[in-house]
Amino acid sequence: MKLSVKSDYAARALLSLARKHHLGRPTKVEELAGEYGIPPNYLVQILIELKAAGLVRSQRGKQGGYLLAKPPKDISMADVLRTVHGEVFESPAAQDPRCPLELREAWLAISQSVEETAENITLQKILDDYEKRSGMYYI
């Protein structure tokens, strides 16, 4: 299974917005793009999709830009993957009646496991886990 660059860029943009969520002010596309090396024109397309999915909102004007549409605790990696790919994990064989039943069941089990894991990883969890690790000192 290989995720697309688009899903990675979407996650990077959302994580950046999550870091700034407490400030309550929008972030310009150029700033988001520059922070993680995302091509600005491509990022605009991704942000439009994220906005349509209700994950971000935009604010017009000189001080405009993008903000999270909901708190970081309410946005999961599953939301990101569904927005970009339509599904978190999809196997055509799972719906193919010619595929052996036991193999379809295995694909379904993998799909459910990936879905559950992606649902449990929120932007807030990513931020909290990083903060815990970066605050630790090793001797």
Protein backbone atom coordinates (compact mmCIF):
# COMPACT_ATOMS: atom_id res chain seq x y z
CA MET A 1 0.00 0.00 0.00
CA LYS A 2 1.42 3.35 -1.02
CA LEU A 3 -0.15 6.65 -0.09
CA SER A 4 -0.07 9.56 -2.49
CA VAL A 5 1.98 12.71 -2.13
CA LYS A 6 -1.34 14.53 -2.11
CA SER A 7 -2.40 12.81 1.12
CA ASP A 8 0.95 13.69 2.69
CA TYR A 9 0.64 17.34 1.64
CA ALA A 10 -2.92 17.49 2.96
CA ALA A 11 -1.78 16.09 6.31
CA ARG A 12 1.14 18.55 6.46
CA ALA A 13 -1.13 21.51 5.79
CA LEU A 14 -3.65 20.38 8.40
CA LEU A 15 -0.92 19.76 10.98
CA SER A 16 0.44 23.25 10.39
CA LEU A 17 -3.03 24.74 10.86
CA ALA A 18 -3.51 22.61 13.98
CA ARG A 19 -0.31 24.04 15.49
CA LYS A 20 -1.72 27.54 15.01
CA HIS A 21 -5.34 26.73 15.87
CA HIS A 22 -5.14 28.33 19.32
CA LEU A 23 -4.18 31.67 17.73
CA GLY A 24 -7.51 31.90 15.92
CA ARG A 25 -6.13 33.70 12.89
CA PRO A 26 -5.82 32.47 9.32
CA THR A 27 -2.61 31.30 7.68
CA LYS A 28 -1.81 32.32 4.12
CA VAL A 29 -1.30 29.67 1.46
CA GLU A 30 2.23 30.93 0.80
CA GLU A 31 3.15 30.46 4.45
CA LEU A 32 1.71 26.93 4.55
CA ALA A 33 3.42 26.03 1.29
CA GLY A 34 6.79 27.41 2.38
CA GLU A 35 6.72 25.75 5.77
CA TYR A 36 6.74 22.22 4.35
CA GLY A 37 7.92 22.65 0.77
CA ILE A 38 4.53 22.16 -0.86
CA PRO A 39 4.02 23.70 -4.32
CA PRO A 40 1.60 26.62 -3.68
CA ASN A 41 -0.64 25.97 -6.70
CA TYR A 42 -1.03 22.31 -5.74
CA LEU A 43 -1.70 23.26 -2.13
CA VAL A 44 -4.56 25.55 -3.20
CA GLN A 45 -6.22 22.59 -4.94
CA ILE A 46 -5.78 20.44 -1.83
CA LEU A 47 -7.16 23.16 0.44
CA ILE A 48 -10.24 23.46 -1.76
CA GLU A 49 -10.88 19.73 -1.25
CA LEU A 50 -10.26 20.02 2.50
CA LYS A 51 -12.67 22.94 2.63
CA ALA A 52 -15.35 20.99 0.73
CA ALA A 53 -14.91 18.17 3.27
CA GLY A 54 -15.40 20.61 6.17
CA LEU A 55 -11.88 20.24 7.54
CA VAL A 56 -10.72 23.80 6.84
CA ARG A 57 -12.38 27.13 6.25
CA SER A 58 -11.12 30.16 4.42
CA GLN A 59 -11.19 33.81 5.27
CA ARG A 60 -11.01 36.43 2.54
CA GLY A 61 -9.23 39.73 2.58
CA LYS A 62 -5.81 41.15 3.27
CA GLN A 63 -5.57 39.26 6.56
CA GLY A 64 -7.21 36.19 5.03
CA GLY A 65 -6.06 32.63 4.67
CA TYR A 66 -7.04 29.21 6.00
CA LEU A 67 -7.97 27.90 9.44
CA LEU A 68 -9.14 24.55 10.74
CA ALA A 69 -12.92 24.29 10.56
CA LYS A 70 -13.01 22.32 13.80
CA PRO A 71 -10.66 21.62 16.72
CA PRO A 72 -7.59 19.42 16.08
CA LYS A 73 -9.06 16.73 18.37
CA ASP A 74 -11.95 16.35 15.90
CA ILE A 75 -9.87 15.78 12.76
CA SER A 76 -8.41 12.32 12.24
CA MET A 77 -6.00 10.89 9.72
CA ALA A 78 -8.98 8.90 8.44
CA ASP A 79 -10.65 12.22 7.59
CA VAL A 80 -7.57 13.24 5.61
CA LEU A 81 -7.39 9.95 3.71
CA ARG A 82 -11.11 9.91 2.95
CA THR A 83 -10.94 13.46 1.62
CA VAL A 84 -8.01 12.73 -0.66
CA HIS A 85 -8.69 9.11 -1.66
CA GLY A 86 -12.36 8.52 -0.92
CA GLU A 87 -11.52 5.57 1.35
CA VAL A 88 -8.97 4.93 4.07
CA PHE A 89 -8.12 1.51 2.64
CA GLU A 90 -9.79 -0.11 -0.30
CA SER A 91 -9.22 -3.51 -1.86
CA PRO A 92 -11.16 -4.30 -5.02
CA ALA A 93 -10.81 -7.99 -4.15
CA ALA A 94 -12.95 -7.51 -1.03
CA GLN A 95 -16.00 -6.98 -3.27
CA ASP A 96 -15.07 -9.44 -6.01
CA PRO A 97 -17.21 -12.60 -5.78
CA ARG A 98 -14.54 -14.51 -7.72
CA CYS A 99 -12.02 -13.83 -4.95
CA PRO A 100 -11.91 -16.69 -2.42
CA LEU A 101 -14.05 -15.92 0.62
CA GLU A 102 -11.20 -16.44 3.08
CA LEU A 103 -9.07 -13.92 1.16
CA ARG A 104 -11.92 -11.39 1.02
CA GLU A 105 -12.27 -11.78 4.79
CA ALA A 106 -8.54 -11.11 5.19
CA TRP A 107 -8.80 -7.95 3.06
CA LEU A 108 -11.78 -6.82 5.12
CA ALA A 109 -9.87 -7.41 8.37
CA ILE A 110 -6.94 -5.34 7.09
CA SER A 111 -9.32 -2.60 5.97
CA GLN A 112 -11.04 -2.48 9.37
CA SER A 113 -7.72 -2.39 11.21
CA VAL A 114 -6.33 0.44 9.08
CA GLU A 115 -9.62 2.36 9.37
CA GLU A 116 -9.66 2.01 13.17
CA THR A 117 -6.04 3.09 13.51
CA ALA A 118 -6.50 6.10 11.21
CA GLU A 119 -9.63 7.14 13.15
CA ASN A 120 -7.72 7.05 16.43
CA ILE A 121 -4.89 9.29 15.23
CA THR A 122 -6.15 12.85 15.45
CA LEU A 123 -4.22 16.03 14.76
CA GLN A 124 -4.34 16.74 18.50
CA LYS A 125 -2.88 13.31 19.30
CA ILE A 126 -0.04 13.94 16.84
CA LEU A 127 0.71 17.30 18.47
CA ASP A 128 0.45 15.90 22.02
CA ASP A 129 2.65 12.88 21.25
CA TYR A 130 5.30 15.11 19.68
CA GLU A 131 5.21 17.51 22.61
CA LYS A 132 5.69 14.63 25.07
CA ARG A 133 8.65 13.24 23.10
CA SER A 134 10.32 16.59 22.56
CA GLY A 135 10.08 17.38 26.26
CA MET A 136 11.90 14.20 27.28
CA TYR A 137 15.58 14.14 28.06
CA TYR A 138 17.68 11.06 27.57
CA ILE A 139 20.88 10.40 29.50
